[in-house]
């Protein structure tokens, strides 16, 4: 499975699926975010997601790339888009 866009929605979805045994590749255009995610760090303030990414960072269940060619080998591709939020996180 590939998830294109690893912002709030992609990060939460990817972590949840990978924790349940689905191999997930996160495709993200921002190389700095990919490096952060590869290091097991998560910019998303959703409870439990940072801990899940830290656990998964050493596994083969979840990987990250800036290369959109990764979607060619995926059976399922989910495209997530940015959600505008205010200072308190509400949309």
PDB file of N, CA and C in Angstrom:
ATOM      1  N   UNK A   1       0.842  -1.159   0.000  1.00  0.00           N
ATOM      2  CA  UNK A   1       0.000   0.000   0.000  1.00  0.00           C
ATOM      3  C   UNK A   1       0.893   1.230   0.000  1.00  0.00           C
ATOM      4  N   UNK A   2       0.469   2.253  -0.733  1.00  0.00           N
ATOM      5  CA  UNK A   2       1.167   3.537  -0.732  1.00  0.00           C
ATOM      6  C   UNK A   2       0.204   4.618  -0.266  1.00  0.00           C
ATOM      7  N   UNK A   3       0.723   5.522   0.549  1.00  0.00           N
ATOM      8  CA  UNK A   3      -0.038   6.692   0.958  1.00  0.00           C
ATOM      9  C   UNK A   3       0.724   7.904   0.466  1.00  0.00           C
ATOM     10  N   UNK A   4       0.097   8.655  -0.416  1.00  0.00           N
ATOM     11  CA  UNK A   4       0.721   9.856  -0.975  1.00  0.00           C
ATOM     12  C   UNK A   4       0.301  11.036  -0.112  1.00  0.00           C
ATOM     13  N   UNK A   5       1.284  11.650   0.521  1.00  0.00           N
ATOM     14  CA  UNK A   5       1.042  12.767   1.430  1.00  0.00           C
ATOM     15  C   UNK A   5       1.056  12.269   2.862  1.00  0.00           C
ATOM     16  N   UNK A   6       2.095  12.620   3.593  1.00  0.00           N
ATOM     17  CA  UNK A   6       2.206  12.141   4.968  1.00  0.00           C
ATOM     18  C   UNK A   6       2.094  13.286   5.955  1.00  0.00           C
ATOM     19  N   UNK A   7       1.037  14.084   5.759  1.00  0.00           N
ATOM     20  CA  UNK A   7       0.684  15.109   6.720  1.00  0.00           C
ATOM     21  C   UNK A   7      -0.150  14.473   7.815  1.00  0.00           C
ATOM     22  N   UNK A   8      -1.093  15.212   8.341  1.00  0.00           N
ATOM     23  CA  UNK A   8      -1.897  14.740   9.468  1.00  0.00           C
ATOM     24  C   UNK A   8      -2.647  13.442   9.135  1.00  0.00           C
ATOM     25  N   UNK A   9      -3.419  13.460   8.074  1.00  0.00           N
ATOM     26  CA  UNK A   9      -4.237  12.287   7.722  1.00  0.00           C
ATOM     27  C   UNK A   9      -3.360  11.115   7.293  1.00  0.00           C
ATOM     28  N   UNK A  10      -2.402  11.369   6.424  1.00  0.00           N
ATOM     29  CA  UNK A  10      -1.533  10.298   5.943  1.00  0.00           C
ATOM     30  C   UNK A  10      -0.728   9.656   7.048  1.00  0.00           C
ATOM     31  N   UNK A  11      -0.233  10.477   7.963  1.00  0.00           N
ATOM     32  CA  UNK A  11       0.570   9.973   9.075  1.00  0.00           C
ATOM     33  C   UNK A  11      -0.269   9.083  10.000  1.00  0.00           C
ATOM     34  N   UNK A  12      -1.446   9.544  10.350  1.00  0.00           N
ATOM     35  CA  UNK A  12      -2.326   8.759  11.226  1.00  0.00           C
ATOM     36  C   UNK A  12      -2.749   7.454  10.552  1.00  0.00           C
ATOM     37  N   UNK A  13      -3.154   7.534   9.304  1.00  0.00           N
ATOM     38  CA  UNK A  13      -3.594   6.353   8.568  1.00  0.00           C
ATOM     39  C   UNK A  13      -2.444   5.367   8.369  1.00  0.00           C
ATOM     40  N   UNK A  14      -1.303   5.874   7.949  1.00  0.00           N
ATOM     41  CA  UNK A  14      -0.147   5.011   7.708  1.00  0.00           C
ATOM     42  C   UNK A  14       0.312   4.290   8.964  1.00  0.00           C
ATOM     43  N   UNK A  15       0.388   5.011  10.065  1.00  0.00           N
ATOM     44  CA  UNK A  15       0.812   4.394  11.327  1.00  0.00           C
ATOM     45  C   UNK A  15      -0.186   3.328  11.771  1.00  0.00           C
ATOM     46  N   UNK A  16      -1.471   3.639  11.675  1.00  0.00           N
ATOM     47  CA  UNK A  16      -2.500   2.679  12.096  1.00  0.00           C
ATOM     48  C   UNK A  16      -2.464   1.411  11.251  1.00  0.00           C
ATOM     49  N   UNK A  17      -2.347   1.557   9.943  1.00  0.00           N
ATOM     50  CA  UNK A  17      -2.318   0.381   9.064  1.00  0.00           C
ATOM     51  C   UNK A  17      -1.045  -0.438   9.266  1.00  0.00           C
ATOM     52  N   UNK A  18       0.082   0.228   9.389  1.00  0.00           N
ATOM     53  CA  UNK A  18       1.346  -0.486   9.574  1.00  0.00           C
ATOM     54  C   UNK A  18       1.357  -1.234  10.903  1.00  0.00           C
ATOM     55  N   UNK A  19       0.772  -0.651  11.937  1.00  0.00           N
ATOM     56  CA  UNK A  19       0.714  -1.350  13.230  1.00  0.00           C
ATOM     57  C   UNK A  19      -0.154  -2.598  13.157  1.00  0.00           C
ATOM     58  N   UNK A  20      -1.037  -2.640  12.197  1.00  0.00           N
ATOM     59  CA  UNK A  20      -1.920  -3.805  12.041  1.00  0.00           C
ATOM     60  C   UNK A  20      -1.409  -4.784  10.994  1.00  0.00           C
ATOM     61  N   UNK A  21      -0.174  -4.591  10.541  1.00  0.00           N
ATOM     62  CA  UNK A  21       0.457  -5.570   9.670  1.00  0.00           C
ATOM     63  C   UNK A  21       0.469  -5.259   8.187  1.00  0.00           C
ATOM     64  N   UNK A  22      -0.077  -4.142   7.774  1.00  0.00           N
ATOM     65  CA  UNK A  22      -0.047  -3.771   6.364  1.00  0.00           C
ATOM     66  C   UNK A  22       1.274  -3.077   6.054  1.00  0.00           C
ATOM     67  N   UNK A  23       1.957  -3.513   5.012  1.00  0.00           N
ATOM     68  CA  UNK A  23       3.184  -2.838   4.582  1.00  0.00           C
ATOM     69  C   UNK A  23       2.793  -1.530   3.895  1.00  0.00           C
ATOM     70  N   UNK A  24       3.310  -0.425   4.417  1.00  0.00           N
ATOM     71  CA  UNK A  24       2.943   0.903   3.931  1.00  0.00           C
ATOM     72  C   UNK A  24       4.199   1.645   3.508  1.00  0.00           C
ATOM     73  N   UNK A  25       4.140   2.263   2.328  1.00  0.00           N
ATOM     74  CA  UNK A  25       5.178   3.202   1.920  1.00  0.00           C
ATOM     75  C   UNK A  25       4.524   4.582   1.850  1.00  0.00           C
ATOM     76  N   UNK A  26       5.121   5.519   2.565  1.00  0.00           N
ATOM     77  CA  UNK A  26       4.632   6.894   2.557  1.00  0.00           C
ATOM     78  C   UNK A  26       5.391   7.679   1.509  1.00  0.00           C
ATOM     79  N   UNK A  27       4.666   8.260   0.574  1.00  0.00           N
ATOM     80  CA  UNK A  27       5.284   9.067  -0.481  1.00  0.00           C
ATOM     81  C   UNK A  27       4.996  10.532  -0.155  1.00  0.00           C
ATOM     82  N   UNK A  28       6.064  11.281   0.036  1.00  0.00           N
ATOM     83  CA  UNK A  28       5.944  12.669   0.485  1.00  0.00           C
ATOM     84  C   UNK A  28       6.901  13.539  -0.322  1.00  0.00           C
ATOM     85  N   UNK A  29       6.434  14.684  -0.773  1.00  0.00           N
ATOM     86  CA  UNK A  29       7.261  15.561  -1.611  1.00  0.00           C
ATOM     87  C   UNK A  29       8.302  16.345  -0.811  1.00  0.00           C
ATOM     88  N   UNK A  30       8.130  16.464   0.484  1.00  0.00           N
ATOM     89  CA  UNK A  30       9.033  17.255   1.318  1.00  0.00           C
ATOM     90  C   UNK A  30      10.164  16.377   1.864  1.00  0.00           C
ATOM     91  N   UNK A  31      11.392  16.529   1.346  1.00  0.00           N
ATOM     92  CA  UNK A  31      12.503  15.686   1.814  1.00  0.00           C
ATOM     93  C   UNK A  31      12.808  15.850   3.299  1.00  0.00           C
ATOM     94  N   UNK A  32      12.598  17.046   3.845  1.00  0.00           N
ATOM     95  CA  UNK A  32      12.851  17.253   5.279  1.00  0.00           C
ATOM     96  C   UNK A  32      11.865  16.447   6.120  1.00  0.00           C
ATOM     97  N   UNK A  33      10.612  16.372   5.687  1.00  0.00           N
ATOM     98  CA  UNK A  33       9.617  15.573   6.402  1.00  0.00           C
ATOM     99  C   UNK A  33       9.948  14.089   6.292  1.00  0.00           C
ATOM    100  N   UNK A  34      10.385  13.644   5.125  1.00  0.00           N
ATOM    101  CA  UNK A  34      10.779  12.237   4.955  1.00  0.00           C
ATOM    102  C   UNK A  34      11.924  11.894   5.904  1.00  0.00           C
ATOM    103  N   UNK A  35      12.901  12.777   6.016  1.00  0.00           N
ATOM    104  CA  UNK A  35      14.024  12.533   6.929  1.00  0.00           C
ATOM    105  C   UNK A  35      13.546  12.467   8.374  1.00  0.00           C
ATOM    106  N   UNK A  36      12.625  13.340   8.739  1.00  0.00           N
ATOM    107  CA  UNK A  36      12.074  13.340  10.093  1.00  0.00           C
ATOM    108  C   UNK A  36      11.331  12.031  10.367  1.00  0.00           C
ATOM    109  N   UNK A  37      10.493  11.624   9.428  1.00  0.00           N
ATOM    110  CA  UNK A  37       9.726  10.383   9.590  1.00  0.00           C
ATOM    111  C   UNK A  37      10.647   9.169   9.603  1.00  0.00           C
ATOM    112  N   UNK A  38      11.658   9.158   8.742  1.00  0.00           N
ATOM    113  CA  UNK A  38      12.631   8.062   8.732  1.00  0.00           C
ATOM    114  C   UNK A  38      13.342   7.931  10.074  1.00  0.00           C
ATOM    115  N   UNK A  39      13.498   9.040  10.756  1.00  0.00           N
ATOM    116  CA  UNK A  39      14.137   9.026  12.065  1.00  0.00           C
ATOM    117  C   UNK A  39      13.197   8.665  13.194  1.00  0.00           C
ATOM    118  N   UNK A  40      11.952   8.319  12.856  1.00  0.00           N
ATOM    119  CA  UNK A  40      10.987   7.922  13.864  1.00  0.00           C
ATOM    120  C   UNK A  40      10.338   9.097  14.574  1.00  0.00           C
ATOM    121  N   UNK A  41      10.488  10.289  14.014  1.00  0.00           N
ATOM    122  CA  UNK A  41       9.886  11.478  14.622  1.00  0.00           C
ATOM    123  C   UNK A  41       8.630  11.847  13.846  1.00  0.00           C
ATOM    124  N   UNK A  42       7.653  12.339  14.563  1.00  0.00           N
ATOM    125  CA  UNK A  42       6.354  12.634  13.969  1.00  0.00           C
ATOM    126  C   UNK A  42       5.925  14.057  14.300  1.00  0.00           C
ATOM    127  N   UNK A  43       5.576  14.846  13.287  1.00  0.00           N
ATOM    128  CA  UNK A  43       5.129  16.214  13.533  1.00  0.00           C
ATOM    129  C   UNK A  43       3.640  16.320  13.880  1.00  0.00           C
ATOM    130  N   UNK A  44       2.948  15.202  13.899  1.00  0.00           N
ATOM    131  CA  UNK A  44       1.501  15.199  14.103  1.00  0.00           C
ATOM    132  C   UNK A  44       1.185  15.068  15.592  1.00  0.00           C
ATOM    133  N   UNK A  45       0.349  15.970  16.140  1.00  0.00           N
ATOM    134  CA  UNK A  45       0.052  15.934  17.571  1.00  0.00           C
ATOM    135  C   UNK A  45      -1.054  14.962  17.992  1.00  0.00           C
ATOM    136  N   UNK A  46      -1.424  14.041  17.134  1.00  0.00           N
ATOM    137  CA  UNK A  46      -2.479  13.074  17.467  1.00  0.00           C
ATOM    138  C   UNK A  46      -1.955  12.078  18.507  1.00  0.00           C
ATOM    139  N   UNK A  47      -2.684  11.864  19.592  1.00  0.00           N
ATOM    140  CA  UNK A  47      -2.222  10.941  20.637  1.00  0.00           C
ATOM    141  C   UNK A  47      -1.908   9.549  20.086  1.00  0.00           C
ATOM    142  N   UNK A  48      -0.741   9.048  20.429  1.00  0.00           N
ATOM    143  CA  UNK A  48      -0.337   7.699  20.061  1.00  0.00           C
ATOM    144  C   UNK A  48       0.375   7.578  18.728  1.00  0.00           C
ATOM    145  N   UNK A  49       0.261   8.544  17.853  1.00  0.00           N
ATOM    146  CA  UNK A  49       0.865   8.429  16.521  1.00  0.00           C
ATOM    147  C   UNK A  49       2.383   8.539  16.600  1.00  0.00           C
ATOM    148  N   UNK A  50       2.897   9.469  17.369  1.00  0.00           N
ATOM    149  CA  UNK A  50       4.353   9.614  17.503  1.00  0.00           C
ATOM    150  C   UNK A  50       4.975   8.338  18.057  1.00  0.00           C
ATOM    151  N   UNK A  51       4.330   7.753  19.042  1.00  0.00           N
ATOM    152  CA  UNK A  51       4.833   6.512  19.636  1.00  0.00           C
ATOM    153  C   UNK A  51       4.788   5.365  18.622  1.00  0.00           C
ATOM    154  N   UNK A  52       3.735   5.300  17.844  1.00  0.00           N
ATOM    155  CA  UNK A  52       3.621   4.252  16.817  1.00  0.00           C
ATOM    156  C   UNK A  52       4.718   4.412  15.773  1.00  0.00           C
ATOM    157  N   UNK A  53       4.941   5.635  15.309  1.00  0.00           N
ATOM    158  CA  UNK A  53       5.991   5.853  14.314  1.00  0.00           C
ATOM    159  C   UNK A  53       7.361   5.522  14.874  1.00  0.00           C
ATOM    160  N   UNK A  54       7.597   5.835  16.119  1.00  0.00           N
ATOM    161  CA  UNK A  54       8.885   5.497  16.734  1.00  0.00           C
ATOM    162  C   UNK A  54       9.082   3.983  16.759  1.00  0.00           C
ATOM    163  N   UNK A  55       8.025   3.243  17.095  1.00  0.00           N
ATOM    164  CA  UNK A  55       8.114   1.771  17.105  1.00  0.00           C
ATOM    165  C   UNK A  55       8.322   1.220  15.703  1.00  0.00           C
ATOM    166  N   UNK A  56       7.648   1.811  14.734  1.00  0.00           N
ATOM    167  CA  UNK A  56       7.677   1.292  13.367  1.00  0.00           C
ATOM    168  C   UNK A  56       8.915   1.704  12.588  1.00  0.00           C
ATOM    169  N   UNK A  57       9.647   2.683  13.070  1.00  0.00           N
ATOM    170  CA  UNK A  57      10.775   3.205  12.300  1.00  0.00           C
ATOM    171  C   UNK A  57      11.860   2.154  12.053  1.00  0.00           C
ATOM    172  N   UNK A  58      11.963   1.179  12.902  1.00  0.00           N
ATOM    173  CA  UNK A  58      12.963   0.123  12.737  1.00  0.00           C
ATOM    174  C   UNK A  58      12.398  -1.109  12.035  1.00  0.00           C
ATOM    175  N   UNK A  59      11.149  -1.055  11.593  1.00  0.00           N
ATOM    176  CA  UNK A  59      10.535  -2.227  10.974  1.00  0.00           C
ATOM    177  C   UNK A  59      10.423  -2.047   9.463  1.00  0.00           C
ATOM    178  N   UNK A  60      10.082  -3.134   8.804  1.00  0.00           N
ATOM    179  CA  UNK A  60       9.866  -3.083   7.355  1.00  0.00           C
ATOM    180  C   UNK A  60       8.414  -2.743   7.026  1.00  0.00           C
ATOM    181  N   UNK A  61       7.592  -2.555   8.043  1.00  0.00           N
ATOM    182  CA  UNK A  61       6.169  -2.295   7.818  1.00  0.00           C
ATOM    183  C   UNK A  61       5.882  -0.897   7.301  1.00  0.00           C
ATOM    184  N   UNK A  62       6.778   0.055   7.586  1.00  0.00           N
ATOM    185  CA  UNK A  62       6.523   1.438   7.216  1.00  0.00           C
ATOM    186  C   UNK A  62       7.808   2.071   6.708  1.00  0.00           C
ATOM    187  N   UNK A  63       7.749   2.587   5.493  1.00  0.00           N
ATOM    188  CA  UNK A  63       8.905   3.265   4.919  1.00  0.00           C
ATOM    189  C   UNK A  63       8.453   4.551   4.247  1.00  0.00           C
ATOM    190  N   UNK A  64       9.405   5.418   3.957  1.00  0.00           N
ATOM    191  CA  UNK A  64       9.095   6.734   3.397  1.00  0.00           C
ATOM    192  C   UNK A  64      10.021   7.046   2.231  1.00  0.00           C
ATOM    193  N   UNK A  65       9.494   7.792   1.280  1.00  0.00           N
ATOM    194  CA  UNK A  65      10.287   8.178   0.126  1.00  0.00           C
ATOM    195  C   UNK A  65       9.727   9.459  -0.491  1.00  0.00           C
ATOM    196  N   UNK A  66      10.570  10.124  -1.260  1.00  0.00           N
ATOM    197  CA  UNK A  66      10.108  11.260  -2.070  1.00  0.00           C
ATOM    198  C   UNK A  66       9.876  10.819  -3.512  1.00  0.00           C
ATOM    199  N   UNK A  67      10.148   9.558  -3.804  1.00  0.00           N
ATOM    200  CA  UNK A  67      10.054   9.024  -5.162  1.00  0.00           C
ATOM    201  C   UNK A  67       8.648   8.496  -5.447  1.00  0.00           C
ATOM    202  N   UNK A  68       7.941   9.210  -6.289  1.00  0.00           N
ATOM    203  CA  UNK A  68       6.565   8.817  -6.613  1.00  0.00           C
ATOM    204  C   UNK A  68       6.487   7.514  -7.408  1.00  0.00           C
ATOM    205  N   UNK A  69       7.600   7.029  -7.906  1.00  0.00           N
ATOM    206  CA  UNK A  69       7.598   5.729  -8.590  1.00  0.00           C
ATOM    207  C   UNK A  69       7.235   4.591  -7.640  1.00  0.00           C
ATOM    208  N   UNK A  70       7.319   4.834  -6.344  1.00  0.00           N
ATOM    209  CA  UNK A  70       6.972   3.805  -5.356  1.00  0.00           C
ATOM    210  C   UNK A  70       5.521   3.362  -5.474  1.00  0.00           C
ATOM    211  N   UNK A  71       4.668   4.194  -6.045  1.00  0.00           N
ATOM    212  CA  UNK A  71       3.252   3.810  -6.149  1.00  0.00           C
ATOM    213  C   UNK A  71       3.024   2.727  -7.196  1.00  0.00           C
ATOM    214  N   UNK A  72       3.981   2.552  -8.107  1.00  0.00           N
ATOM    215  CA  UNK A  72       3.809   1.556  -9.175  1.00  0.00           C
ATOM    216  C   UNK A  72       3.745   0.124  -8.646  1.00  0.00           C
ATOM    217  N   UNK A  73       4.382  -0.136  -7.518  1.00  0.00           N
ATOM    218  CA  UNK A  73       4.368  -1.501  -6.983  1.00  0.00           C
ATOM    219  C   UNK A  73       3.282  -1.695  -5.919  1.00  0.00           C
ATOM    220  N   UNK A  74       2.498  -0.674  -5.662  1.00  0.00           N
ATOM    221  CA  UNK A  74       1.455  -0.764  -4.630  1.00  0.00           C
ATOM    222  C   UNK A  74       0.160  -1.331  -5.208  1.00  0.00           C
ATOM    223  N   UNK A  75      -0.498  -2.166  -4.416  1.00  0.00           N
ATOM    224  CA  UNK A  75      -1.817  -2.673  -4.795  1.00  0.00           C
ATOM    225  C   UNK A  75      -2.890  -1.613  -4.581  1.00  0.00           C
ATOM    226  N   UNK A  76      -2.685  -0.796  -3.552  1.00  0.00           N
ATOM    227  CA  UNK A  76      -3.636   0.255  -3.195  1.00  0.00           C
ATOM    228  C   UNK A  76      -2.855   1.546  -3.001  1.00  0.00           C
ATOM    229  N   UNK A  77      -3.388   2.646  -3.533  1.00  0.00           N
ATOM    230  CA  UNK A  77      -2.785   3.959  -3.350  1.00  0.00           C
ATOM    231  C   UNK A  77      -3.845   4.881  -2.754  1.00  0.00           C
ATOM    232  N   UNK A  78      -3.521   5.481  -1.618  1.00  0.00           N
ATOM    233  CA  UNK A  78      -4.404   6.443  -0.976  1.00  0.00           C
ATOM    234  C   UNK A  78      -3.743   7.807  -1.101  1.00  0.00           C
ATOM    235  N   UNK A  79      -4.488   8.771  -1.605  1.00  0.00           N
ATOM    236  CA  UNK A  79      -3.976  10.124  -1.750  1.00  0.00           C
ATOM    237  C   UNK A  79      -4.639  10.983  -0.680  1.00  0.00           C
ATOM    238  N   UNK A  80      -3.809  11.559   0.188  1.00  0.00           N
ATOM    239  CA  UNK A  80      -4.333  12.429   1.236  1.00  0.00           C
ATOM    240  C   UNK A  80      -3.991  13.869   0.875  1.00  0.00           C
ATOM    241  N   UNK A  81      -4.861  14.757   1.213  1.00  0.00           N
ATOM    242  CA  UNK A  81      -4.658  16.168   0.892  1.00  0.00           C
ATOM    243  C   UNK A  81      -4.639  16.975   2.180  1.00  0.00           C
ATOM    244  N   UNK A  82      -4.041  18.135   2.112  1.00  0.00           N
ATOM    245  CA  UNK A  82      -3.945  19.001   3.275  1.00  0.00           C
ATOM    246  C   UNK A  82      -5.312  19.485   3.724  1.00  0.00           C
ATOM    247  N   UNK A  83      -5.479  19.606   5.026  1.00  0.00           N
ATOM    248  CA  UNK A  83      -6.708  20.134   5.612  1.00  0.00           C
ATOM    249  C   UNK A  83      -6.361  21.438   6.316  1.00  0.00           C
ATOM    250  N   UNK A  84      -6.973  22.539   5.913  1.00  0.00           N
ATOM    251  CA  UNK A  84      -6.652  23.796   6.597  1.00  0.00           C
ATOM    252  C   UNK A  84      -7.156  23.772   8.034  1.00  0.00           C
ATOM    253  N   UNK A  85      -6.293  24.203   8.953  1.00  0.00           N
ATOM    254  CA  UNK A  85      -6.658  24.245  10.358  1.00  0.00           C
ATOM    255  C   UNK A  85      -6.302  25.613  10.939  1.00  0.00           C
ATOM    256  N   UNK A  86      -6.975  25.974  12.030  1.00  0.00           N
ATOM    257  CA  UNK A  86      -6.632  27.213  12.706  1.00  0.00           C
ATOM    258  C   UNK A  86      -5.601  26.948  13.804  1.00  0.00           C
ATOM    259  N   UNK A  87      -5.291  27.955  14.593  1.00  0.00           N
ATOM    260  CA  UNK A  87      -4.259  27.835  15.617  1.00  0.00           C
ATOM    261  C   UNK A  87      -4.556  26.769  16.665  1.00  0.00           C
ATOM    262  N   UNK A  88      -5.827  26.481  16.912  1.00  0.00           N
ATOM    263  CA  UNK A  88      -6.203  25.473  17.907  1.00  0.00           C
ATOM    264  C   UNK A  88      -6.376  24.083  17.290  1.00  0.00           C
ATOM    265  N   UNK A  89      -6.147  23.946  16.003  1.00  0.00           N
ATOM    266  CA  UNK A  89      -6.277  22.655  15.349  1.00  0.00           C
ATOM    267  C   UNK A  89      -7.638  22.367  14.789  1.00  0.00           C
ATOM    268  N   UNK A  90      -8.563  23.318  14.882  1.00  0.00           N
ATOM    269  CA  UNK A  90      -9.910  23.109  14.359  1.00  0.00           C
ATOM    270  C   UNK A  90      -9.950  23.437  12.868  1.00  0.00           C
ATOM    271  N   UNK A  91     -10.812  22.771  12.160  1.00  0.00           N
ATOM    272  CA  UNK A  91     -10.996  23.074  10.747  1.00  0.00           C
ATOM    273  C   UNK A  91     -12.388  23.462  10.564  1.00  0.00           C
TER     274      UNK A  91
END
